[in-house]
Each structure stands twice: as structure tokens, then as C-alpha cells.
């Protein structure tokens, strides 16, 4: 039931590239102080969370967030009728 390659690698590359450009721009244009470091750390956490969710939710039957397969089996059985 699961696709052979469920991870959208272009999406992962776009998210990582966008985050890299964003953080490099912030790093070049701002002075180093506590607020800047806190915002950059929060942004890095947000991007890391997004990547984790993209990679984790692409494997719904084997990852940390598991979807019971019985529901999908019932749905497919009703669609085949």
C-alpha cells in the first residue's frame, strides 16, 4: 500500500535551500546579540521540525506516528465494491 519512494526529495531540497538562504541572510545582516541568536535557534528548530514531519509522515505505517492499516483496508474494500 505504501509507495516505493514516498519522500518528495524536491520538496526537501527546496525547504533546506530556502532555510539556508534565509538563515545566511539573517546572519549577514544582523549583529550578534541574545535576541538574534534566540530567533535563529527558534528558526532552526522550526525548519528541523518541518523536515522531521516531512520525512516521518512519508512512512505512515512504520514511523513514530503510525496510522492503523485496518482503516485503509476497509476503505479500499469499500472502493472495490
PDB file of N, CA and C in Angstrom:
ATOM      1  N   UNK A   1       0.816  -1.202   0.000  1.00  0.00           N
ATOM      2  CA  UNK A   1       0.000   0.000   0.000  1.00  0.00           C
ATOM      3  C   UNK A   1       0.857   1.262   0.000  1.00  0.00           C
ATOM      4  N   UNK A   2       2.047   1.166   0.493  1.00  0.00           N
ATOM      5  CA  UNK A   2       2.908   2.337   0.573  1.00  0.00           C
ATOM      6  C   UNK A   2       3.714   2.465  -0.711  1.00  0.00           C
ATOM      7  N   UNK A   3       3.907   3.688  -1.155  1.00  0.00           N
ATOM      8  CA  UNK A   3       4.668   3.915  -2.373  1.00  0.00           C
ATOM      9  C   UNK A   3       6.122   3.499  -2.191  1.00  0.00           C
ATOM     10  N   UNK A   4       6.790   3.236  -3.294  1.00  0.00           N
ATOM     11  CA  UNK A   4       8.188   2.813  -3.229  1.00  0.00           C
ATOM     12  C   UNK A   4       9.079   3.929  -2.704  1.00  0.00           C
ATOM     13  N   UNK A   5       8.856   5.157  -3.139  1.00  0.00           N
ATOM     14  CA  UNK A   5       9.655   6.292  -2.683  1.00  0.00           C
ATOM     15  C   UNK A   5       8.696   7.425  -2.295  1.00  0.00           C
ATOM     16  N   UNK A   6       8.146   7.389  -1.081  1.00  0.00           N
ATOM     17  CA  UNK A   6       7.123   8.366  -0.710  1.00  0.00           C
ATOM     18  C   UNK A   6       7.669   9.745  -0.361  1.00  0.00           C
ATOM     19  N   UNK A   7       8.981   9.876  -0.219  1.00  0.00           N
ATOM     20  CA  UNK A   7       9.555  11.167   0.162  1.00  0.00           C
ATOM     21  C   UNK A   7       9.721  12.020  -1.083  1.00  0.00           C
ATOM     22  N   UNK A   8       9.205  13.214  -1.035  1.00  0.00           N
ATOM     23  CA  UNK A   8       9.362  14.144  -2.141  1.00  0.00           C
ATOM     24  C   UNK A   8      10.699  14.864  -1.979  1.00  0.00           C
ATOM     25  N   UNK A   9      11.727  14.327  -2.624  1.00  0.00           N
ATOM     26  CA  UNK A   9      13.062  14.898  -2.465  1.00  0.00           C
ATOM     27  C   UNK A   9      13.165  16.319  -2.993  1.00  0.00           C
ATOM     28  N   UNK A  10      12.465  16.697  -4.069  1.00  0.00           N
ATOM     29  CA  UNK A  10      12.500  18.110  -4.453  1.00  0.00           C
ATOM     30  C   UNK A  10      11.936  19.030  -3.364  1.00  0.00           C
ATOM     31  N   UNK A  11      10.920  18.567  -2.650  1.00  0.00           N
ATOM     32  CA  UNK A  11      10.376  19.361  -1.548  1.00  0.00           C
ATOM     33  C   UNK A  11      11.404  19.517  -0.434  1.00  0.00           C
ATOM     34  N   UNK A  12      12.113  18.452  -0.109  1.00  0.00           N
ATOM     35  CA  UNK A  12      13.139  18.520   0.932  1.00  0.00           C
ATOM     36  C   UNK A  12      14.259  19.462   0.509  1.00  0.00           C
ATOM     37  N   UNK A  13      14.681  19.387  -0.747  1.00  0.00           N
ATOM     38  CA  UNK A  13      15.739  20.268  -1.250  1.00  0.00           C
ATOM     39  C   UNK A  13      15.287  21.722  -1.222  1.00  0.00           C
ATOM     40  N   UNK A  14      14.046  21.991  -1.582  1.00  0.00           N
ATOM     41  CA  UNK A  14      13.529  23.359  -1.574  1.00  0.00           C
ATOM     42  C   UNK A  14      13.456  23.896  -0.146  1.00  0.00           C
ATOM     43  N   UNK A  15      12.982  23.096   0.795  1.00  0.00           N
ATOM     44  CA  UNK A  15      12.895  23.549   2.190  1.00  0.00           C
ATOM     45  C   UNK A  15      14.281  23.833   2.755  1.00  0.00           C
ATOM     46  N   UNK A  16      15.229  22.943   2.495  1.00  0.00           N
ATOM     47  CA  UNK A  16      16.592  23.147   3.008  1.00  0.00           C
ATOM     48  C   UNK A  16      17.242  24.360   2.337  1.00  0.00           C
ATOM     49  N   UNK A  17      17.061  24.514   1.040  1.00  0.00           N
ATOM     50  CA  UNK A  17      17.643  25.663   0.336  1.00  0.00           C
ATOM     51  C   UNK A  17      17.046  26.973   0.820  1.00  0.00           C
ATOM     52  N   UNK A  18      15.740  26.990   0.983  1.00  0.00           N
ATOM     53  CA  UNK A  18      15.070  28.202   1.455  1.00  0.00           C
ATOM     54  C   UNK A  18      15.558  28.563   2.859  1.00  0.00           C
ATOM     55  N   UNK A  19      15.667  27.583   3.708  1.00  0.00           N
ATOM     56  CA  UNK A  19      16.138  27.840   5.072  1.00  0.00           C
ATOM     57  C   UNK A  19      17.588  28.303   5.072  1.00  0.00           C
ATOM     58  N   UNK A  20      18.422  27.713   4.231  1.00  0.00           N
ATOM     59  CA  UNK A  20      19.825  28.110   4.145  1.00  0.00           C
ATOM     60  C   UNK A  20      19.953  29.561   3.691  1.00  0.00           C
ATOM     61  N   UNK A  21      19.216  29.931   2.661  1.00  0.00           N
ATOM     62  CA  UNK A  21      19.247  31.315   2.176  1.00  0.00           C
ATOM     63  C   UNK A  21      18.717  32.272   3.242  1.00  0.00           C
ATOM     64  N   UNK A  22      17.641  31.894   3.897  1.00  0.00           N
ATOM     65  CA  UNK A  22      17.047  32.741   4.926  1.00  0.00           C
ATOM     66  C   UNK A  22      17.994  32.946   6.101  1.00  0.00           C
ATOM     67  N   UNK A  23      18.587  31.863   6.605  1.00  0.00           N
ATOM     68  CA  UNK A  23      19.481  31.993   7.757  1.00  0.00           C
ATOM     69  C   UNK A  23      20.781  32.696   7.397  1.00  0.00           C
ATOM     70  N   UNK A  24      21.292  32.456   6.193  1.00  0.00           N
ATOM     71  CA  UNK A  24      22.511  33.175   5.775  1.00  0.00           C
ATOM     72  C   UNK A  24      22.225  34.666   5.648  1.00  0.00           C
ATOM     73  N   UNK A  25      21.062  35.019   5.107  1.00  0.00           N
ATOM     74  CA  UNK A  25      20.701  36.433   5.002  1.00  0.00           C
ATOM     75  C   UNK A  25      20.547  37.086   6.359  1.00  0.00           C
ATOM     76  N   UNK A  26      19.897  36.412   7.283  1.00  0.00           N
ATOM     77  CA  UNK A  26      19.763  36.962   8.636  1.00  0.00           C
ATOM     78  C   UNK A  26      21.115  37.072   9.321  1.00  0.00           C
ATOM     79  N   UNK A  27      21.961  36.073   9.115  1.00  0.00           N
ATOM     80  CA  UNK A  27      23.263  36.082   9.751  1.00  0.00           C
ATOM     81  C   UNK A  27      24.162  37.190   9.231  1.00  0.00           C
ATOM     82  N   UNK A  28      24.059  37.500   7.951  1.00  0.00           N
ATOM     83  CA  UNK A  28      24.889  38.555   7.376  1.00  0.00           C
ATOM     84  C   UNK A  28      24.405  39.952   7.734  1.00  0.00           C
ATOM     85  N   UNK A  29      23.104  40.111   7.890  1.00  0.00           N
ATOM     86  CA  UNK A  29      22.543  41.446   8.084  1.00  0.00           C
ATOM     87  C   UNK A  29      22.318  41.835   9.538  1.00  0.00           C
ATOM     88  N   UNK A  30      22.545  40.949  10.458  1.00  0.00           N
ATOM     89  CA  UNK A  30      22.257  41.275  11.856  1.00  0.00           C
ATOM     90  C   UNK A  30      23.521  41.224  12.709  1.00  0.00           C
ATOM     91  N   UNK A  31      23.466  41.958  13.788  1.00  0.00           N
ATOM     92  CA  UNK A  31      24.556  41.904  14.762  1.00  0.00           C
ATOM     93  C   UNK A  31      24.303  40.744  15.716  1.00  0.00           C
ATOM     94  N   UNK A  32      25.370  40.223  16.239  1.00  0.00           N
ATOM     95  CA  UNK A  32      25.244  39.092  17.168  1.00  0.00           C
ATOM     96  C   UNK A  32      24.860  39.626  18.551  1.00  0.00           C
ATOM     97  N   UNK A  33      23.680  39.234  18.997  1.00  0.00           N
ATOM     98  CA  UNK A  33      23.242  39.509  20.363  1.00  0.00           C
ATOM     99  C   UNK A  33      22.304  38.376  20.781  1.00  0.00           C
ATOM    100  N   UNK A  34      21.798  38.447  21.982  1.00  0.00           N
ATOM    101  CA  UNK A  34      20.981  37.350  22.509  1.00  0.00           C
ATOM    102  C   UNK A  34      19.686  37.169  21.727  1.00  0.00           C
ATOM    103  N   UNK A  35      19.052  38.266  21.341  1.00  0.00           N
ATOM    104  CA  UNK A  35      17.791  38.166  20.602  1.00  0.00           C
ATOM    105  C   UNK A  35      18.009  37.524  19.233  1.00  0.00           C
ATOM    106  N   UNK A  36      19.079  37.912  18.563  1.00  0.00           N
ATOM    107  CA  UNK A  36      19.379  37.337  17.248  1.00  0.00           C
ATOM    108  C   UNK A  36      19.638  35.846  17.354  1.00  0.00           C
ATOM    109  N   UNK A  37      20.416  35.445  18.325  1.00  0.00           N
ATOM    110  CA  UNK A  37      20.697  34.023  18.499  1.00  0.00           C
ATOM    111  C   UNK A  37      19.450  33.238  18.866  1.00  0.00           C
ATOM    112  N   UNK A  38      18.579  33.834  19.684  1.00  0.00           N
ATOM    113  CA  UNK A  38      17.336  33.153  20.057  1.00  0.00           C
ATOM    114  C   UNK A  38      16.428  32.970  18.846  1.00  0.00           C
ATOM    115  N   UNK A  39      16.315  34.003  18.013  1.00  0.00           N
ATOM    116  CA  UNK A  39      15.465  33.903  16.825  1.00  0.00           C
ATOM    117  C   UNK A  39      16.037  32.896  15.834  1.00  0.00           C
ATOM    118  N   UNK A  40      17.350  32.916  15.634  1.00  0.00           N
ATOM    119  CA  UNK A  40      17.963  31.942  14.733  1.00  0.00           C
ATOM    120  C   UNK A  40      17.805  30.514  15.261  1.00  0.00           C
ATOM    121  N   UNK A  41      17.928  30.328  16.561  1.00  0.00           N
ATOM    122  CA  UNK A  41      17.731  28.998  17.147  1.00  0.00           C
ATOM    123  C   UNK A  41      16.282  28.541  16.989  1.00  0.00           C
ATOM    124  N   UNK A  42      15.346  29.447  17.199  1.00  0.00           N
ATOM    125  CA  UNK A  42      13.931  29.095  17.024  1.00  0.00           C
ATOM    126  C   UNK A  42      13.635  28.763  15.564  1.00  0.00           C
ATOM    127  N   UNK A  43      14.195  29.541  14.645  1.00  0.00           N
ATOM    128  CA  UNK A  43      14.012  29.263  13.221  1.00  0.00           C
ATOM    129  C   UNK A  43      14.610  27.934  12.822  1.00  0.00           C
ATOM    130  N   UNK A  44      15.797  27.621  13.341  1.00  0.00           N
ATOM    131  CA  UNK A  44      16.420  26.335  13.045  1.00  0.00           C
ATOM    132  C   UNK A  44      15.575  25.184  13.596  1.00  0.00           C
ATOM    133  N   UNK A  45      15.014  25.376  14.781  1.00  0.00           N
ATOM    134  CA  UNK A  45      14.126  24.364  15.348  1.00  0.00           C
ATOM    135  C   UNK A  45      12.877  24.178  14.479  1.00  0.00           C
ATOM    136  N   UNK A  46      12.318  25.277  13.985  1.00  0.00           N
ATOM    137  CA  UNK A  46      11.118  25.195  13.144  1.00  0.00           C
ATOM    138  C   UNK A  46      11.410  24.466  11.835  1.00  0.00           C
ATOM    139  N   UNK A  47      12.532  24.769  11.213  1.00  0.00           N
ATOM    140  CA  UNK A  47      12.888  24.094   9.959  1.00  0.00           C
ATOM    141  C   UNK A  47      13.208  22.623  10.218  1.00  0.00           C
ATOM    142  N   UNK A  48      13.906  22.355  11.296  1.00  0.00           N
ATOM    143  CA  UNK A  48      14.186  20.964  11.652  1.00  0.00           C
ATOM    144  C   UNK A  48      12.912  20.173  11.922  1.00  0.00           C
ATOM    145  N   UNK A  49      11.940  20.807  12.577  1.00  0.00           N
ATOM    146  CA  UNK A  49      10.647  20.156  12.835  1.00  0.00           C
ATOM    147  C   UNK A  49       9.914  19.881  11.534  1.00  0.00           C
ATOM    148  N   UNK A  50       9.966  20.845  10.611  1.00  0.00           N
ATOM    149  CA  UNK A  50       9.301  20.653   9.316  1.00  0.00           C
ATOM    150  C   UNK A  50       9.928  19.488   8.557  1.00  0.00           C
ATOM    151  N   UNK A  51      11.236  19.424   8.535  1.00  0.00           N
ATOM    152  CA  UNK A  51      11.901  18.310   7.854  1.00  0.00           C
ATOM    153  C   UNK A  51      11.591  16.981   8.536  1.00  0.00           C
ATOM    154  N   UNK A  52      11.568  16.986   9.858  1.00  0.00           N
ATOM    155  CA  UNK A  52      11.222  15.762  10.577  1.00  0.00           C
ATOM    156  C   UNK A  52       9.815  15.301  10.212  1.00  0.00           C
ATOM    157  N   UNK A  53       8.874  16.222  10.177  1.00  0.00           N
ATOM    158  CA  UNK A  53       7.497  15.851   9.834  1.00  0.00           C
ATOM    159  C   UNK A  53       7.381  15.373   8.396  1.00  0.00           C
ATOM    160  N   UNK A  54       8.084  16.032   7.474  1.00  0.00           N
ATOM    161  CA  UNK A  54       8.039  15.589   6.076  1.00  0.00           C
ATOM    162  C   UNK A  54       8.570  14.170   5.956  1.00  0.00           C
ATOM    163  N   UNK A  55       9.698  13.903   6.591  1.00  0.00           N
ATOM    164  CA  UNK A  55      10.293  12.572   6.493  1.00  0.00           C
ATOM    165  C   UNK A  55       9.515  11.525   7.289  1.00  0.00           C
ATOM    166  N   UNK A  56       8.979  11.914   8.441  1.00  0.00           N
ATOM    167  CA  UNK A  56       8.268  10.960   9.289  1.00  0.00           C
ATOM    168  C   UNK A  56       6.893  10.619   8.727  1.00  0.00           C
ATOM    169  N   UNK A  57       6.176  11.602   8.244  1.00  0.00           N
ATOM    170  CA  UNK A  57       4.825  11.346   7.754  1.00  0.00           C
ATOM    171  C   UNK A  57       4.808  10.711   6.371  1.00  0.00           C
ATOM    172  N   UNK A  58       5.973  10.592   5.737  1.00  0.00           N
ATOM    173  CA  UNK A  58       6.022   9.905   4.455  1.00  0.00           C
ATOM    174  C   UNK A  58       6.047   8.387   4.632  1.00  0.00           C
ATOM    175  N   UNK A  59       6.205   7.925   5.848  1.00  0.00           N
ATOM    176  CA  UNK A  59       6.161   6.486   6.168  1.00  0.00           C
ATOM    177  C   UNK A  59       5.081   6.267   7.235  1.00  0.00           C
ATOM    178  N   UNK A  60       3.808   6.271   6.849  1.00  0.00           N
ATOM    179  CA  UNK A  60       2.735   6.244   7.853  1.00  0.00           C
ATOM    180  C   UNK A  60       2.583   4.917   8.595  1.00  0.00           C
ATOM    181  N   UNK A  61       3.122   3.832   8.068  1.00  0.00           N
ATOM    182  CA  UNK A  61       2.919   2.535   8.720  1.00  0.00           C
ATOM    183  C   UNK A  61       4.109   2.083   9.542  1.00  0.00           C
ATOM    184  N   UNK A  62       5.265   2.764   9.443  1.00  0.00           N
ATOM    185  CA  UNK A  62       6.457   2.302  10.137  1.00  0.00           C
ATOM    186  C   UNK A  62       7.116   3.365  11.004  1.00  0.00           C
ATOM    187  N   UNK A  63       6.683   4.607  10.963  1.00  0.00           N
ATOM    188  CA  UNK A  63       7.361   5.677  11.685  1.00  0.00           C
ATOM    189  C   UNK A  63       6.876   5.827  13.111  1.00  0.00           C
ATOM    190  N   UNK A  64       7.241   6.940  13.728  1.00  0.00           N
ATOM    191  CA  UNK A  64       6.796   7.236  15.097  1.00  0.00           C
ATOM    192  C   UNK A  64       5.307   7.520  15.147  1.00  0.00           C
ATOM    193  N   UNK A  65       4.783   8.190  14.108  1.00  0.00           N
ATOM    194  CA  UNK A  65       3.351   8.479  14.015  1.00  0.00           C
ATOM    195  C   UNK A  65       2.737   7.409  13.121  1.00  0.00           C
ATOM    196  N   UNK A  66       2.162   6.389  13.723  1.00  0.00           N
ATOM    197  CA  UNK A  66       1.655   5.260  12.951  1.00  0.00           C
ATOM    198  C   UNK A  66       0.158   5.395  12.701  1.00  0.00           C
ATOM    199  N   UNK A  67      -0.228   5.057  11.489  1.00  0.00           N
ATOM    200  CA  UNK A  67      -1.632   5.036  11.095  1.00  0.00           C
ATOM    201  C   UNK A  67      -2.029   3.568  11.024  1.00  0.00           C
ATOM    202  N   UNK A  68      -3.115   3.188  11.691  1.00  0.00           N
ATOM    203  CA  UNK A  68      -3.518   1.781  11.612  1.00  0.00           C
ATOM    204  C   UNK A  68      -3.931   1.406  10.191  1.00  0.00           C
ATOM    205  N   UNK A  69      -3.450   0.286   9.720  1.00  0.00           N
ATOM    206  CA  UNK A  69      -3.727  -0.119   8.344  1.00  0.00           C
ATOM    207  C   UNK A  69      -5.134  -0.681   8.177  1.00  0.00           C
ATOM    208  N   UNK A  70      -5.806  -1.022   9.262  1.00  0.00           N
ATOM    209  CA  UNK A  70      -7.160  -1.589   9.155  1.00  0.00           C
ATOM    210  C   UNK A  70      -8.128  -0.590   8.536  1.00  0.00           C
ATOM    211  N   UNK A  71      -7.971   0.678   8.852  1.00  0.00           N
ATOM    212  CA  UNK A  71      -8.851   1.701   8.289  1.00  0.00           C
ATOM    213  C   UNK A  71      -8.676   1.793   6.780  1.00  0.00           C
ATOM    214  N   UNK A  72      -7.434   1.735   6.327  1.00  0.00           N
ATOM    215  CA  UNK A  72      -7.183   1.782   4.895  1.00  0.00           C
ATOM    216  C   UNK A  72      -7.686   0.529   4.198  1.00  0.00           C
ATOM    217  N   UNK A  73      -7.571  -0.605   4.854  1.00  0.00           N
ATOM    218  CA  UNK A  73      -8.086  -1.844   4.271  1.00  0.00           C
ATOM    219  C   UNK A  73      -9.598  -1.760   4.094  1.00  0.00           C
ATOM    220  N   UNK A  74     -10.323  -1.219   5.087  1.00  0.00           N
ATOM    221  CA  UNK A  74     -11.767  -1.055   4.966  1.00  0.00           C
ATOM    222  C   UNK A  74     -12.125  -0.085   3.852  1.00  0.00           C
ATOM    223  N   UNK A  75     -11.358   1.007   3.749  1.00  0.00           N
ATOM    224  CA  UNK A  75     -11.627   1.991   2.702  1.00  0.00           C
ATOM    225  C   UNK A  75     -11.416   1.379   1.326  1.00  0.00           C
ATOM    226  N   UNK A  76     -10.336   0.638   1.137  1.00  0.00           N
ATOM    227  CA  UNK A  76     -10.075   0.007  -0.164  1.00  0.00           C
ATOM    228  C   UNK A  76     -11.115  -1.047  -0.484  1.00  0.00           C
ATOM    229  N   UNK A  77     -11.569  -1.779   0.538  1.00  0.00           N
ATOM    230  CA  UNK A  77     -12.607  -2.791   0.290  1.00  0.00           C
ATOM    231  C   UNK A  77     -13.914  -2.141  -0.142  1.00  0.00           C
ATOM    232  N   UNK A  78     -14.254  -0.998   0.455  1.00  0.00           N
ATOM    233  CA  UNK A  78     -15.500  -0.325   0.065  1.00  0.00           C
ATOM    234  C   UNK A  78     -15.365   0.322  -1.312  1.00  0.00           C
ATOM    235  N   UNK A  79     -14.175   0.748  -1.687  1.00  0.00           N
ATOM    236  CA  UNK A  79     -13.969   1.332  -3.014  1.00  0.00           C
ATOM    237  C   UNK A  79     -13.993   0.285  -4.114  1.00  0.00           C
ATOM    238  N   UNK A  80     -13.587  -0.951  -3.791  1.00  0.00           N
ATOM    239  CA  UNK A  80     -13.575  -2.022  -4.789  1.00  0.00           C
ATOM    240  C   UNK A  80     -14.951  -2.599  -5.049  1.00  0.00           C
ATOM    241  N   UNK A  81     -15.945  -2.278  -4.223  1.00  0.00           N
ATOM    242  CA  UNK A  81     -17.299  -2.826  -4.409  1.00  0.00           C
ATOM    243  C   UNK A  81     -17.979  -2.200  -5.591  1.00  0.00           C
TER     244      UNK A  81
END
